[in-house]
N, C-alpha and C. Protein backbone atom coordinates (compact mmCIF):
# COMPACT_ATOMS: atom_id res chain seq x y z
N MET A 1 -92.08 -49.90 105.04
CA MET A 1 -90.97 -49.03 105.57
C MET A 1 -91.78 -47.51 105.09
N GLY A 2 -91.40 -47.31 106.44
CA GLY A 2 -91.88 -45.58 106.04
C GLY A 2 -90.98 -44.88 105.39
N HIS A 3 -91.50 -43.80 104.35
CA HIS A 3 -90.92 -42.66 104.34
C HIS A 3 -90.37 -41.65 105.11
N LYS A 4 -88.89 -41.55 104.13
CA LYS A 4 -87.90 -40.24 104.90
C LYS A 4 -88.02 -38.93 104.57
N HIS A 5 -87.83 -38.25 105.31
CA HIS A 5 -87.96 -36.89 105.34
C HIS A 5 -87.09 -36.46 104.18
N GLU A 6 -87.42 -35.20 103.75
CA GLU A 6 -86.30 -34.34 103.31
C GLU A 6 -84.88 -34.42 103.49
N GLY A 7 -84.84 -33.78 104.73
CA GLY A 7 -83.68 -33.05 105.96
C GLY A 7 -82.95 -34.63 106.07
N ASP A 8 -83.42 -35.96 106.40
CA ASP A 8 -82.73 -36.70 106.36
C ASP A 8 -81.94 -37.09 105.32
N ARG A 9 -81.84 -36.60 103.87
CA ARG A 9 -80.79 -37.01 102.88
C ARG A 9 -80.06 -37.12 103.36
N ALA A 10 -78.95 -37.75 103.08
CA ALA A 10 -77.25 -37.35 102.80
C ALA A 10 -76.76 -36.88 101.92
N LYS A 11 -76.05 -35.89 102.92
CA LYS A 11 -75.51 -34.53 102.24
C LYS A 11 -74.20 -34.45 100.87
N PRO A 12 -73.99 -34.37 99.89
CA PRO A 12 -72.74 -35.15 99.25
C PRO A 12 -71.60 -34.09 99.85
N VAL A 13 -70.38 -34.92 99.61
CA VAL A 13 -69.17 -34.45 100.07
C VAL A 13 -68.19 -34.08 99.62
N PRO A 14 -68.16 -32.05 99.65
CA PRO A 14 -67.14 -32.05 98.85
C PRO A 14 -65.92 -32.42 98.23
N GLU A 15 -65.65 -32.32 96.77
CA GLU A 15 -64.11 -32.93 96.53
C GLU A 15 -63.18 -32.46 96.91
N PRO A 16 -61.76 -32.72 97.53
CA PRO A 16 -60.45 -31.82 97.98
C PRO A 16 -60.06 -31.03 96.83
N LYS A 17 -59.33 -30.30 96.96
CA LYS A 17 -59.12 -29.13 96.14
C LYS A 17 -57.69 -29.07 96.33
N HIS A 18 -57.47 -29.60 95.59
CA HIS A 18 -55.45 -29.76 94.62
C HIS A 18 -55.28 -28.19 94.81
N PRO A 19 -53.73 -27.75 95.56
CA PRO A 19 -53.38 -26.26 95.80
C PRO A 19 -52.88 -26.14 94.47
N THR A 20 -52.82 -25.17 93.84
CA THR A 20 -52.20 -24.50 92.90
C THR A 20 -51.00 -23.83 93.14
N HIS A 21 -49.99 -24.06 91.94
CA HIS A 21 -48.64 -23.43 92.10
C HIS A 21 -48.50 -22.13 92.90
N GLY A 22 -47.63 -21.73 93.74
CA GLY A 22 -47.80 -21.04 94.99
C GLY A 22 -48.77 -20.92 96.06
N GLY A 23 -49.38 -21.76 96.01
CA GLY A 23 -50.47 -21.73 97.14
C GLY A 23 -49.95 -22.45 98.25
N LEU A 24 -50.98 -22.39 99.15
CA LEU A 24 -50.43 -23.21 100.47
C LEU A 24 -50.65 -24.87 100.45
N GLY A 25 -49.96 -25.32 101.18
CA GLY A 25 -49.50 -26.68 101.33
C GLY A 25 -48.86 -27.66 100.45
N ASP A 26 -48.81 -28.83 100.22
CA ASP A 26 -47.40 -29.78 100.10
C ASP A 26 -47.80 -29.48 98.56
N PRO A 27 -46.25 -29.47 97.80
CA PRO A 27 -46.50 -28.95 96.60
C PRO A 27 -46.86 -30.50 95.57
N GLY A 28 -46.79 -30.39 94.34
CA GLY A 28 -46.98 -31.86 93.70
C GLY A 28 -46.23 -32.39 93.19
N PRO A 29 -45.97 -33.01 91.99
CA PRO A 29 -45.11 -33.45 91.79
C PRO A 29 -44.46 -33.15 90.54
N GLN A 30 -45.82 -32.38 89.87
CA GLN A 30 -45.79 -31.42 88.33
C GLN A 30 -44.79 -29.98 89.28
N ASP A 31 -45.11 -29.31 89.87
CA ASP A 31 -44.35 -27.99 89.99
C ASP A 31 -42.86 -28.09 90.09
N GLY A 32 -42.48 -29.69 90.34
CA GLY A 32 -40.78 -29.34 91.14
C GLY A 32 -40.68 -29.41 92.21
N GLY A 33 -41.64 -29.46 93.47
CA GLY A 33 -41.40 -29.01 94.57
C GLY A 33 -40.52 -30.09 95.18
N GLY A 34 -40.42 -30.15 96.26
CA GLY A 34 -40.07 -31.11 97.59
C GLY A 34 -38.62 -31.79 97.10
N PRO A 35 -37.76 -31.96 98.10
CA PRO A 35 -36.33 -32.11 97.78
C PRO A 35 -35.96 -33.16 96.69
N ALA A 36 -37.00 -33.99 96.00
CA ALA A 36 -35.89 -34.30 95.30
C ALA A 36 -36.07 -33.47 93.99
N GLY A 37 -36.90 -32.86 93.99
CA GLY A 37 -37.37 -31.95 92.78
C GLY A 37 -36.15 -30.31 92.58
N GLU A 38 -35.97 -30.34 94.24
CA GLU A 38 -34.83 -29.50 93.81
C GLU A 38 -33.33 -30.19 93.86
N ALA A 39 -33.34 -31.07 94.42
CA ALA A 39 -31.51 -31.71 94.08
C ALA A 39 -31.46 -31.59 92.71
N GLU A 40 -32.65 -32.37 91.86
CA GLU A 40 -32.20 -32.74 90.60
C GLU A 40 -31.73 -31.36 89.93
N GLY A 41 -32.26 -30.23 90.26
CA GLY A 41 -32.59 -28.87 89.68
C GLY A 41 -31.21 -28.64 89.86
N ARG A 42 -30.58 -28.71 91.34
CA ARG A 42 -29.33 -28.35 91.19
C ARG A 42 -28.09 -28.91 91.21
N SER A 43 -28.52 -30.03 90.65
CA SER A 43 -27.63 -31.11 89.80
C SER A 43 -26.48 -30.79 88.63
N THR A 44 -27.62 -30.40 88.39
CA THR A 44 -27.57 -30.16 87.00
C THR A 44 -26.37 -28.56 86.07
N PRO A 45 -26.01 -27.43 86.65
CA PRO A 45 -25.53 -26.58 86.66
C PRO A 45 -24.14 -26.99 87.45
N ARG A 46 -24.24 -27.65 88.48
CA ARG A 46 -22.72 -28.06 89.33
C ARG A 46 -21.83 -28.86 88.80
N ALA A 47 -22.41 -30.37 87.52
CA ALA A 47 -21.92 -31.07 87.03
C ALA A 47 -21.17 -30.41 85.54
N GLY A 48 -21.78 -29.45 84.65
CA GLY A 48 -21.28 -28.68 84.27
C GLY A 48 -20.04 -27.82 84.00
N ASN A 49 -20.22 -27.42 86.02
CA ASN A 49 -19.10 -26.48 86.38
C ASN A 49 -17.90 -27.40 86.41
N THR A 50 -18.02 -28.12 86.48
CA THR A 50 -17.27 -29.59 86.84
C THR A 50 -16.56 -30.03 85.32
N ALA A 51 -17.52 -30.27 84.54
CA ALA A 51 -16.60 -30.36 83.39
C ALA A 51 -15.64 -28.74 82.54
N GLU A 52 -16.76 -27.84 82.87
CA GLU A 52 -15.75 -27.00 82.52
C GLU A 52 -14.15 -27.18 83.23
N LEU A 53 -13.98 -26.60 84.48
CA LEU A 53 -12.99 -27.22 85.40
C LEU A 53 -11.79 -27.98 84.77
N GLU A 54 -12.37 -29.21 84.74
CA GLU A 54 -11.61 -29.86 84.21
C GLU A 54 -10.82 -30.04 82.36
N ARG A 55 -11.61 -28.98 81.37
CA ARG A 55 -11.03 -29.01 80.61
C ARG A 55 -10.09 -27.97 80.33
N LEU A 56 -10.98 -26.89 81.43
CA LEU A 56 -9.45 -25.99 81.88
C LEU A 56 -8.11 -26.31 82.10
N THR A 57 -8.47 -27.29 82.78
CA THR A 57 -6.93 -28.22 83.44
C THR A 57 -6.42 -28.51 82.96
N GLN A 58 -6.65 -28.84 81.86
CA GLN A 58 -6.19 -30.32 81.04
C GLN A 58 -5.29 -28.94 79.86
N GLU A 59 -6.17 -28.09 79.49
CA GLU A 59 -5.68 -27.07 78.62
C GLU A 59 -4.32 -26.24 79.01
N ALA A 60 -4.36 -26.26 80.73
CA ALA A 60 -3.77 -25.06 80.86
C ALA A 60 -2.52 -26.32 81.32
N ALA A 61 -2.41 -27.26 81.24
CA ALA A 61 -0.90 -28.56 81.47
C ALA A 61 -0.68 -28.69 80.27
N GLN A 62 -1.34 -28.81 78.75
CA GLN A 62 -1.05 -29.09 77.98
C GLN A 62 -0.29 -27.45 77.35
N ALA A 63 -0.38 -26.63 78.00
CA ALA A 63 0.20 -25.36 77.74
C ALA A 63 1.52 -25.24 78.81
N LYS A 64 1.58 -25.57 79.73
CA LYS A 64 2.92 -25.56 80.01
C LYS A 64 3.43 -26.92 79.95
N ASP A 65 3.35 -28.40 79.18
CA ASP A 65 3.86 -28.83 78.64
C ASP A 65 4.64 -28.53 77.72
N GLN A 66 4.45 -27.76 76.50
CA GLN A 66 4.07 -27.15 75.15
C GLN A 66 5.76 -26.59 75.77
N TYR A 67 5.50 -25.26 76.91
CA TYR A 67 6.72 -24.08 77.45
C TYR A 67 7.82 -25.10 77.34
N LEU A 68 7.35 -26.21 78.01
CA LEU A 68 8.49 -26.35 79.02
C LEU A 68 9.52 -27.02 78.04
N ARG A 69 9.03 -27.56 76.66
CA ARG A 69 9.89 -28.40 75.52
C ARG A 69 10.71 -27.20 75.16
N MET A 70 9.67 -25.74 74.04
CA MET A 70 10.49 -24.58 73.86
C MET A 70 11.25 -24.23 74.54
N LEU A 71 10.88 -24.27 76.17
CA LEU A 71 12.26 -23.42 76.71
C LEU A 71 13.34 -24.65 76.55
N ALA A 72 13.05 -26.10 76.69
CA ALA A 72 14.15 -27.19 76.69
C ALA A 72 14.67 -27.07 74.84
N ASP A 73 14.19 -26.89 74.01
CA ASP A 73 14.79 -27.06 73.05
C ASP A 73 15.70 -25.20 72.39
N VAL A 74 14.89 -23.95 72.93
CA VAL A 74 16.02 -22.85 73.02
C VAL A 74 17.72 -22.89 73.54
N GLU A 75 17.74 -23.60 75.29
CA GLU A 75 18.52 -24.03 75.95
C GLU A 75 19.43 -25.17 75.15
N ASN A 76 19.25 -26.16 74.22
CA ASN A 76 19.91 -27.18 73.96
C ASN A 76 20.35 -26.51 72.58
N THR A 77 19.56 -25.34 71.82
CA THR A 77 20.42 -24.91 70.62
C THR A 77 21.63 -23.60 71.03
N ARG A 78 21.03 -23.04 72.03
CA ARG A 78 21.85 -22.11 72.58
C ARG A 78 23.74 -22.66 73.14
N LYS A 79 23.40 -23.78 73.70
CA LYS A 79 24.84 -24.76 74.34
C LYS A 79 25.22 -24.87 72.49
N ARG A 80 24.83 -26.29 71.86
CA ARG A 80 25.25 -26.45 70.50
C ARG A 80 25.65 -24.87 69.43
N LEU A 81 25.18 -23.54 69.80
CA LEU A 81 25.83 -22.60 68.93
C LEU A 81 26.96 -22.31 69.88
N GLN A 82 27.36 -22.37 71.01
CA GLN A 82 28.23 -22.21 71.67
C GLN A 82 29.14 -23.05 71.33
N ARG A 83 28.69 -24.13 71.45
CA ARG A 83 29.60 -25.29 71.29
C ARG A 83 30.38 -25.09 69.79
N GLU A 84 29.67 -25.27 69.15
CA GLU A 84 30.17 -24.72 66.90
C GLU A 84 31.09 -23.37 66.84
N LYS A 85 30.83 -22.60 67.92
CA LYS A 85 31.71 -21.35 67.93
C LYS A 85 33.02 -21.38 68.51
N GLU A 86 33.06 -22.24 69.53
CA GLU A 86 34.60 -22.44 70.34
C GLU A 86 35.43 -23.44 69.13
N GLU A 87 34.21 -24.36 68.03
CA GLU A 87 35.01 -25.09 67.91
C GLU A 87 35.89 -24.65 66.53
N PHE A 88 34.71 -23.56 66.20
CA PHE A 88 35.40 -22.60 65.02
C PHE A 88 36.20 -22.14 65.52
N ALA A 89 36.96 -22.25 66.74
CA ALA A 89 37.98 -20.59 66.92
C ALA A 89 38.60 -21.26 67.10
N ARG A 90 38.78 -22.78 67.38
CA ARG A 90 39.79 -23.87 68.07
C ARG A 90 40.78 -23.97 66.11
N PHE A 91 39.51 -24.22 65.66
CA PHE A 91 40.29 -25.17 64.52
C PHE A 91 40.87 -23.71 63.64
N ALA A 92 40.11 -22.16 63.80
CA ALA A 92 40.99 -21.42 62.82
C ALA A 92 41.97 -20.88 63.26
N ALA A 93 42.16 -21.15 64.81
CA ALA A 93 43.72 -20.89 65.68
C ALA A 93 44.43 -22.12 65.41
N GLU A 94 43.98 -23.12 64.56
CA GLU A 94 44.72 -24.85 64.03
C GLU A 94 45.61 -23.81 62.98
N THR A 95 44.50 -23.55 61.62
CA THR A 95 44.82 -23.26 60.37
C THR A 95 46.06 -22.04 60.35
N VAL A 96 46.09 -21.07 61.57
CA VAL A 96 47.12 -20.19 61.04
C VAL A 96 48.11 -20.74 62.16
N VAL A 97 48.71 -21.45 62.81
CA VAL A 97 49.74 -21.97 63.86
C VAL A 97 50.16 -23.03 62.41
N ARG A 98 49.42 -23.95 61.84
CA ARG A 98 50.01 -24.90 61.14
C ARG A 98 50.35 -23.95 60.10
N ALA A 99 50.04 -22.72 59.53
CA ALA A 99 50.56 -21.88 58.40
C ALA A 99 52.21 -20.84 58.98
N LEU A 100 52.10 -20.89 60.09
CA LEU A 100 53.19 -20.04 60.69
C LEU A 100 54.24 -21.17 61.02
N LEU A 101 54.03 -22.29 60.97
CA LEU A 101 55.56 -23.19 61.53
C LEU A 101 56.39 -23.31 60.24
N PRO A 102 55.88 -22.94 58.87
CA PRO A 102 57.17 -22.82 58.00
C PRO A 102 57.70 -22.25 57.99
N ILE A 103 57.29 -21.24 58.86
CA ILE A 103 58.36 -19.81 58.75
C ILE A 103 58.82 -19.85 60.57
N LEU A 104 58.40 -20.36 61.41
CA LEU A 104 59.51 -20.50 62.80
C LEU A 104 60.62 -21.59 62.20
N ASP A 105 60.42 -22.90 61.22
CA ASP A 105 61.03 -23.67 60.43
C ASP A 105 62.56 -22.51 60.09
N SER A 106 62.34 -21.46 58.90
CA SER A 106 63.00 -20.98 58.28
C SER A 106 64.00 -20.23 59.61
N LEU A 107 63.36 -19.60 60.23
CA LEU A 107 63.92 -18.46 61.66
C LEU A 107 64.94 -19.42 62.35
N ASP A 108 64.47 -20.69 62.57
CA ASP A 108 65.56 -21.57 63.28
C ASP A 108 66.67 -21.71 61.98
N GLN A 109 66.69 -22.05 61.01
CA GLN A 109 67.69 -22.17 60.36
C GLN A 109 68.36 -20.69 59.98
N ALA A 110 67.61 -19.91 60.02
CA ALA A 110 68.65 -18.22 60.36
C ALA A 110 69.56 -18.40 61.77
N LEU A 111 69.13 -18.79 62.73
CA LEU A 111 69.34 -18.34 63.71
C LEU A 111 70.86 -19.80 63.93
N VAL A 112 70.78 -20.33 63.40
CA VAL A 112 71.54 -21.72 63.65
C VAL A 112 73.31 -21.22 62.50
N ALA A 113 72.44 -20.48 61.16
CA ALA A 113 73.59 -19.63 60.32
C ALA A 113 74.16 -18.78 61.05
N VAL A 114 73.42 -18.05 61.72
CA VAL A 114 74.15 -17.18 62.73
C VAL A 114 75.55 -17.53 63.50
N ASP A 115 74.69 -18.45 64.74
CA ASP A 115 75.48 -18.86 65.76
C ASP A 115 76.97 -19.48 64.79
N ARG A 116 76.17 -20.38 63.42
CA ARG A 116 77.72 -20.64 62.52
C ARG A 116 78.67 -19.83 62.01
N LYS A 117 77.81 -18.46 62.34
CA LYS A 117 78.62 -17.42 61.46
C LYS A 117 79.01 -17.80 60.37
N SER A 118 78.07 -17.68 59.59
CA SER A 118 78.13 -18.17 58.10
C SER A 118 77.88 -16.71 57.44
N ASP A 119 77.97 -16.95 55.89
CA ASP A 119 77.86 -15.64 55.44
C ASP A 119 77.31 -14.69 55.39
N ALA A 120 76.98 -13.67 55.73
CA ALA A 120 76.43 -12.21 55.94
C ALA A 120 75.17 -12.80 55.59
N ASP A 121 75.77 -12.57 54.26
CA ASP A 121 74.95 -12.08 52.95
C ASP A 121 73.34 -13.52 53.03
N ALA A 122 74.61 -14.80 53.48
CA ALA A 122 72.85 -15.60 53.22
C ALA A 122 72.40 -14.83 54.66
N VAL A 123 72.11 -14.78 55.89
CA VAL A 123 71.84 -14.62 57.10
C VAL A 123 70.70 -13.61 56.35
N VAL A 124 71.19 -12.38 55.60
CA VAL A 124 70.70 -11.65 55.82
C VAL A 124 68.88 -12.39 54.01
N LYS A 125 69.65 -12.69 53.53
CA LYS A 125 68.94 -13.60 52.32
C LYS A 125 67.61 -13.76 53.35
N GLY A 126 68.21 -14.75 54.04
CA GLY A 126 66.98 -15.46 54.82
C GLY A 126 66.33 -14.87 55.71
N VAL A 127 66.68 -13.45 56.74
CA VAL A 127 65.79 -12.42 57.44
C VAL A 127 64.78 -12.12 56.11
N HIS A 128 65.15 -11.80 54.85
CA HIS A 128 64.19 -11.49 54.12
C HIS A 128 62.95 -12.48 53.85
N LEU A 129 63.87 -13.59 53.78
CA LEU A 129 62.88 -14.70 53.33
C LEU A 129 61.42 -14.82 54.43
N ILE A 130 62.14 -14.53 55.13
CA ILE A 130 61.31 -15.16 56.92
C ILE A 130 60.16 -13.76 56.68
N HIS A 131 60.39 -12.85 56.31
CA HIS A 131 59.46 -11.56 56.69
C HIS A 131 58.64 -11.91 55.15
N ARG A 132 59.02 -12.48 53.90
CA ARG A 132 58.13 -12.40 52.97
C ARG A 132 57.03 -13.66 53.94
N GLN A 133 57.46 -14.57 54.25
CA GLN A 133 56.95 -15.92 54.31
C GLN A 133 55.82 -14.91 55.82
N LEU A 134 56.05 -14.21 56.35
CA LEU A 134 55.01 -13.71 57.39
C LEU A 134 53.97 -13.29 56.57
N HIS A 135 54.28 -12.37 55.72
CA HIS A 135 53.54 -11.83 55.65
C HIS A 135 52.46 -12.28 54.39
N GLY A 136 53.25 -13.19 53.81
CA GLY A 136 52.29 -13.94 52.76
C GLY A 136 51.19 -15.12 53.77
N VAL A 137 51.13 -14.63 55.08
CA VAL A 137 50.55 -16.14 56.42
C VAL A 137 49.46 -14.84 56.29
N LEU A 138 49.69 -13.42 56.45
CA LEU A 138 48.88 -12.42 57.15
C LEU A 138 47.74 -12.13 55.59
N GLU A 139 48.39 -12.17 54.45
CA GLU A 139 47.76 -11.91 53.84
C GLU A 139 46.35 -12.68 53.49
N LYS A 140 47.15 -14.07 53.52
CA LYS A 140 46.09 -14.84 53.56
C LYS A 140 45.00 -14.45 54.21
N GLU A 141 44.85 -14.41 55.76
CA GLU A 141 44.27 -14.18 56.41
C GLU A 141 43.46 -12.31 56.29
N GLY A 142 44.09 -11.69 54.70
CA GLY A 142 42.66 -11.26 54.87
C GLY A 142 43.97 -9.61 55.64
N VAL A 143 44.94 -9.99 55.77
CA VAL A 143 45.66 -8.66 56.59
C VAL A 143 46.50 -8.17 55.77
N ARG A 144 46.13 -6.39 55.86
CA ARG A 144 46.68 -5.89 54.89
C ARG A 144 47.59 -4.64 55.42
N ARG A 145 48.65 -4.15 54.56
CA ARG A 145 49.79 -2.88 55.88
C ARG A 145 49.32 -1.33 54.87
N ILE A 146 48.52 -0.82 55.82
CA ILE A 146 48.11 0.76 55.87
C ILE A 146 48.97 1.66 54.83
N PRO A 147 49.18 2.03 53.87
CA PRO A 147 49.91 3.08 53.14
C PRO A 147 50.11 4.40 54.23
N THR A 148 51.22 4.60 53.88
CA THR A 148 51.52 5.67 54.68
C THR A 148 52.06 6.88 54.03
N VAL A 149 53.63 6.84 53.49
CA VAL A 149 54.69 7.56 53.15
C VAL A 149 54.02 8.33 51.39
N GLY A 150 53.41 9.63 51.47
CA GLY A 150 53.12 10.33 50.20
C GLY A 150 51.79 10.38 50.87
N GLU A 151 50.86 9.98 51.29
CA GLU A 151 49.55 9.41 51.24
C GLU A 151 48.90 10.29 52.46
N PRO A 152 47.74 11.14 52.04
CA PRO A 152 47.01 12.08 52.95
C PRO A 152 46.74 11.58 54.00
N PHE A 153 47.26 12.54 55.30
CA PHE A 153 46.89 12.17 56.58
C PHE A 153 45.37 11.27 56.57
N ASP A 154 44.46 10.16 57.10
CA ASP A 154 43.45 10.56 58.04
C ASP A 154 43.37 9.32 58.88
N PRO A 155 42.50 10.38 59.69
CA PRO A 155 42.49 10.14 61.57
C PRO A 155 41.88 8.40 61.79
N HIS A 156 41.47 8.12 60.52
CA HIS A 156 40.63 6.70 60.68
C HIS A 156 41.91 5.24 60.62
N ARG A 157 43.02 6.29 60.35
CA ARG A 157 43.58 5.11 59.39
C ARG A 157 44.88 5.37 60.21
N HIS A 158 45.32 6.67 60.89
CA HIS A 158 46.65 7.20 60.94
C HIS A 158 46.48 7.77 61.92
N GLU A 159 47.62 7.30 62.86
CA GLU A 159 48.53 8.39 63.88
C GLU A 159 48.99 9.36 63.74
N ALA A 160 48.76 11.08 63.73
CA ALA A 160 50.00 11.63 63.66
C ALA A 160 50.69 12.04 65.64
N VAL A 161 52.58 11.70 65.12
CA VAL A 161 52.93 12.21 66.46
C VAL A 161 53.45 13.40 66.40
N ALA A 162 53.61 13.74 65.29
CA ALA A 162 54.80 15.03 64.91
C ALA A 162 54.35 15.48 63.82
N GLN A 163 54.67 17.22 63.79
CA GLN A 163 54.69 17.78 62.24
C GLN A 163 55.66 18.17 62.17
N VAL A 164 56.27 18.00 60.63
CA VAL A 164 57.49 18.25 60.16
C VAL A 164 57.40 19.12 58.93
N GLU A 165 58.58 20.08 59.20
CA GLU A 165 58.37 21.02 57.65
C GLU A 165 59.73 20.16 56.46
N ALA A 166 58.75 20.32 55.75
CA ALA A 166 59.05 19.59 54.21
C ALA A 166 58.41 20.19 53.06
N ASP A 167 59.96 20.62 52.04
CA ASP A 167 59.32 21.09 51.06
C ASP A 167 58.82 20.63 50.44
N GLY A 168 58.05 21.12 49.27
CA GLY A 168 57.27 20.40 47.81
C GLY A 168 56.11 19.11 48.50
N MET A 169 56.04 19.62 49.92
CA MET A 169 54.73 18.42 50.22
C MET A 169 54.22 19.46 50.87
N ALA A 170 52.59 18.47 50.46
CA ALA A 170 51.34 19.59 51.21
C ALA A 170 50.57 19.36 52.31
N ASP A 171 50.46 20.35 53.31
CA ASP A 171 49.82 20.29 54.37
C ASP A 171 49.09 19.15 54.67
N ASP A 172 49.89 18.24 55.53
CA ASP A 172 48.67 16.98 56.30
C ASP A 172 49.46 15.74 55.36
N THR A 173 50.10 15.48 55.10
CA THR A 173 50.37 14.48 53.93
C THR A 173 52.06 14.01 54.39
N ILE A 174 51.87 12.47 54.66
CA ILE A 174 52.62 11.89 55.88
C ILE A 174 53.98 11.73 54.85
N VAL A 175 55.06 12.53 56.36
CA VAL A 175 56.33 11.76 55.01
C VAL A 175 57.29 11.13 55.77
N GLU A 176 56.86 10.23 56.89
CA GLU A 176 57.82 9.18 57.41
C GLU A 176 57.03 8.41 58.28
N GLU A 177 56.81 7.15 58.18
CA GLU A 177 56.14 5.89 59.01
C GLU A 177 56.84 5.86 60.21
N VAL A 178 56.31 5.50 61.87
CA VAL A 178 56.83 5.61 62.74
C VAL A 178 56.41 4.00 62.97
N GLN A 179 55.57 3.43 62.72
CA GLN A 179 54.62 1.88 63.15
C GLN A 179 54.09 1.72 62.06
N ALA A 180 54.23 0.74 61.27
CA ALA A 180 53.30 -0.09 60.46
C ALA A 180 52.01 -0.25 61.26
N GLY A 181 50.69 0.15 60.41
CA GLY A 181 49.64 -0.16 60.94
C GLY A 181 48.73 -1.26 59.89
N TYR A 182 47.54 -1.84 60.58
CA TYR A 182 47.04 -3.02 59.94
C TYR A 182 45.60 -2.82 59.76
N THR A 183 44.65 -3.56 58.16
CA THR A 183 43.73 -4.10 58.74
C THR A 183 43.23 -5.25 58.77
N MET A 184 42.29 -5.68 58.83
CA MET A 184 42.01 -7.31 58.69
C MET A 184 40.39 -7.55 58.28
N SER A 185 40.34 -7.68 56.89
CA SER A 185 39.57 -7.68 56.18
C SER A 185 38.32 -6.27 56.37
N GLY A 186 39.38 -5.61 55.99
CA GLY A 186 38.81 -3.97 56.08
C GLY A 186 38.74 -3.37 57.17
N LYS A 187 39.06 -4.24 57.79
CA LYS A 187 38.42 -3.55 59.51
C LYS A 187 40.14 -3.02 60.45
N MET A 188 40.23 -1.68 60.70
CA MET A 188 41.50 -1.58 60.98
C MET A 188 41.61 -2.13 62.34
N ILE A 189 42.83 -2.94 62.78
CA ILE A 189 43.64 -3.81 63.54
C ILE A 189 44.43 -2.80 64.79
N ARG A 190 44.68 -2.21 63.63
CA ARG A 190 46.01 -1.17 64.80
C ARG A 190 46.71 0.38 63.28
N PRO A 191 46.24 1.29 64.10
CA PRO A 191 46.62 2.14 62.77
C PRO A 191 48.38 2.17 63.10
N ALA A 192 48.12 3.26 62.19
CA ALA A 192 49.59 3.55 61.33
C ALA A 192 50.12 4.94 61.94
N ILE A 193 51.22 4.80 62.73
CA ILE A 193 51.90 5.91 63.96
C ILE A 193 52.75 6.80 62.37
N VAL A 194 52.80 7.89 62.57
CA VAL A 194 53.16 8.73 61.56
C VAL A 194 53.71 10.13 61.55
N LYS A 195 54.77 10.67 61.04
CA LYS A 195 54.24 12.00 60.98
C LYS A 195 54.06 12.71 60.00
N VAL A 196 53.53 13.53 59.87
CA VAL A 196 53.04 14.32 58.62
C VAL A 196 53.74 16.09 58.55
N ALA A 197 53.55 16.47 56.98
CA ALA A 197 54.00 17.71 56.41
C ALA A 197 53.26 18.62 57.17
N LYS A 198 53.75 20.19 57.51
CA LYS A 198 53.34 21.18 57.65
C LYS A 198 53.88 22.07 56.71
N ALA A 199 52.92 23.50 56.77
CA ALA A 199 53.75 24.30 56.01
C ALA A 199 55.00 25.00 56.53
N LYS A 200 55.95 25.73 56.09
CA LYS A 200 56.76 26.33 56.52
C LYS A 200 56.18 27.64 57.27
N GLU A 201 56.52 27.95 58.38
CA GLU A 201 56.72 29.61 59.12
C GLU A 201 57.07 30.62 58.19
N GLU A 202 56.13 31.64 58.17
CA GLU A 202 57.60 32.72 58.05
C GLU A 202 58.06 33.60 58.62
N ARG A 203 59.17 33.99 58.00
CA ARG A 203 60.31 34.78 59.68
C ARG A 203 60.29 35.86 58.84
N SER A 204 59.87 36.81 58.41
CA SER A 204 60.46 37.90 57.97
C SER A 204 60.41 38.83 59.34
N GLY A 205 61.59 39.52 59.79
CA GLY A 205 61.59 40.48 60.56
C GLY A 205 61.92 39.19 61.73
N LEU A 206 61.84 38.08 61.74
CA LEU A 206 62.58 37.57 62.88
C LEU A 206 64.10 36.65 62.39
N GLY A 207 64.88 37.19 61.47
CA GLY A 207 66.24 37.07 61.32
C GLY A 207 65.93 35.34 61.21
N VAL A 208 67.39 34.86 60.65
CA VAL A 208 67.84 33.48 60.12
C VAL A 208 66.82 32.35 61.26
N GLU A 209 65.94 32.01 60.68
CA GLU A 209 65.09 30.59 61.35
C GLU A 209 65.02 30.94 62.62
N GLY A 210 64.36 32.25 62.56
CA GLY A 210 63.48 32.52 64.13
C GLY A 210 64.59 32.72 65.04
N SER A 211 65.40 32.86 65.07
CA SER A 211 66.65 33.45 66.03
C SER A 211 66.83 34.29 66.90
N GLY A 212 66.18 35.25 66.09
CA GLY A 212 66.62 36.99 66.38
C GLY A 212 67.23 37.72 65.63
N GLN A 213 68.03 36.52 64.72
CA GLN A 213 69.30 37.85 64.32
C GLN A 213 69.07 38.30 62.69
N MET A 214 69.51 39.29 62.70
CA MET A 214 69.08 39.55 61.19
C MET A 214 69.92 39.12 60.19
N PRO A 215 69.51 38.83 58.87
CA PRO A 215 69.61 37.99 58.05
C PRO A 215 70.69 39.17 57.39
N ARG A 216 71.97 38.49 57.20
CA ARG A 216 73.14 38.93 56.60
C ARG A 216 72.97 39.50 55.05
N THR A 217 73.27 40.48 54.42
CA THR A 217 73.24 40.99 53.60
C THR A 217 74.55 40.93 52.92
N PRO A 218 74.58 40.61 51.18
CA PRO A 218 75.70 40.31 50.78
C PRO A 218 76.58 41.39 50.71
N ASN A 219 77.93 41.15 50.67
CA ASN A 219 79.54 41.92 50.67
C ASN A 219 79.01 42.77 49.73
N PRO A 220 79.47 43.84 50.04
CA PRO A 220 79.48 45.19 48.49
C PRO A 220 80.49 44.26 47.72
N GLU A 221 80.38 44.68 46.04
CA GLU A 221 81.53 44.22 45.32
C GLU A 221 82.71 45.52 45.70
N PRO A 222 83.88 45.27 45.67
CA PRO A 222 84.90 46.50 45.80
C PRO A 222 85.13 46.85 44.56
N ARG A 223 85.15 48.48 44.75
CA ARG A 223 85.13 49.58 43.38
C ARG A 223 87.03 49.70 43.05
N THR A 224 86.65 50.03 41.67
CA THR A 224 87.69 50.19 40.79
C THR A 224 87.96 51.08 40.39
N GLU A 225 89.28 51.67 40.13
CA GLU A 225 89.63 52.59 40.22
C GLU A 225 88.67 53.70 38.93
N SER A 226 88.44 52.74 37.98
CA SER A 226 87.40 53.34 36.97
C SER A 226 86.13 54.24 37.38
N ASP A 227 85.59 53.35 38.46
CA ASP A 227 84.15 53.70 38.74
C ASP A 227 84.45 55.01 39.53
């Protein structure tokens, strides 16, 4: 066999160089390149957003349900209170009517006595009895008559329609009651209409009672001869 020359020796084949991250060429599986890696990277945030959206939607639905329940409870309570108020008003009116029925019976009996021309004294006594019965019913309901004659005028309870001169009475003292006034449980439901006293005006120089006539002087005593 013949000897080969050095130039005929086989040259070594260089190993292929793998591209580094950010270099040219197809990215390798370690750097997350390629369609599969990009899809996997995008799927995780999207799944988290969906779960958060579902949670918020459930919370909003629960809050709406609670609000509707509370609204229904408030409406039911309002209707119940209104119904109880109406029932109480009807019951209170019924109580007063029941108390007034005996008075109506007494009034009917008095009218029968008047029609039969019975004893006048008995009719008068019957009227006074009806009056006492009616006042008794009103007092049970908290109704009180406002004091007037002899009391000082109170604009919160009295209504004056006239001023009259009265001897021995201080100014603004009630001297006459025109219409009775009443309170109910301390609250005025009708003022008393009254007349009040005022001081007498001085009429010096005006004559008798302001008529312009001079007051008469007493007649002088007749003289005797001894004078």
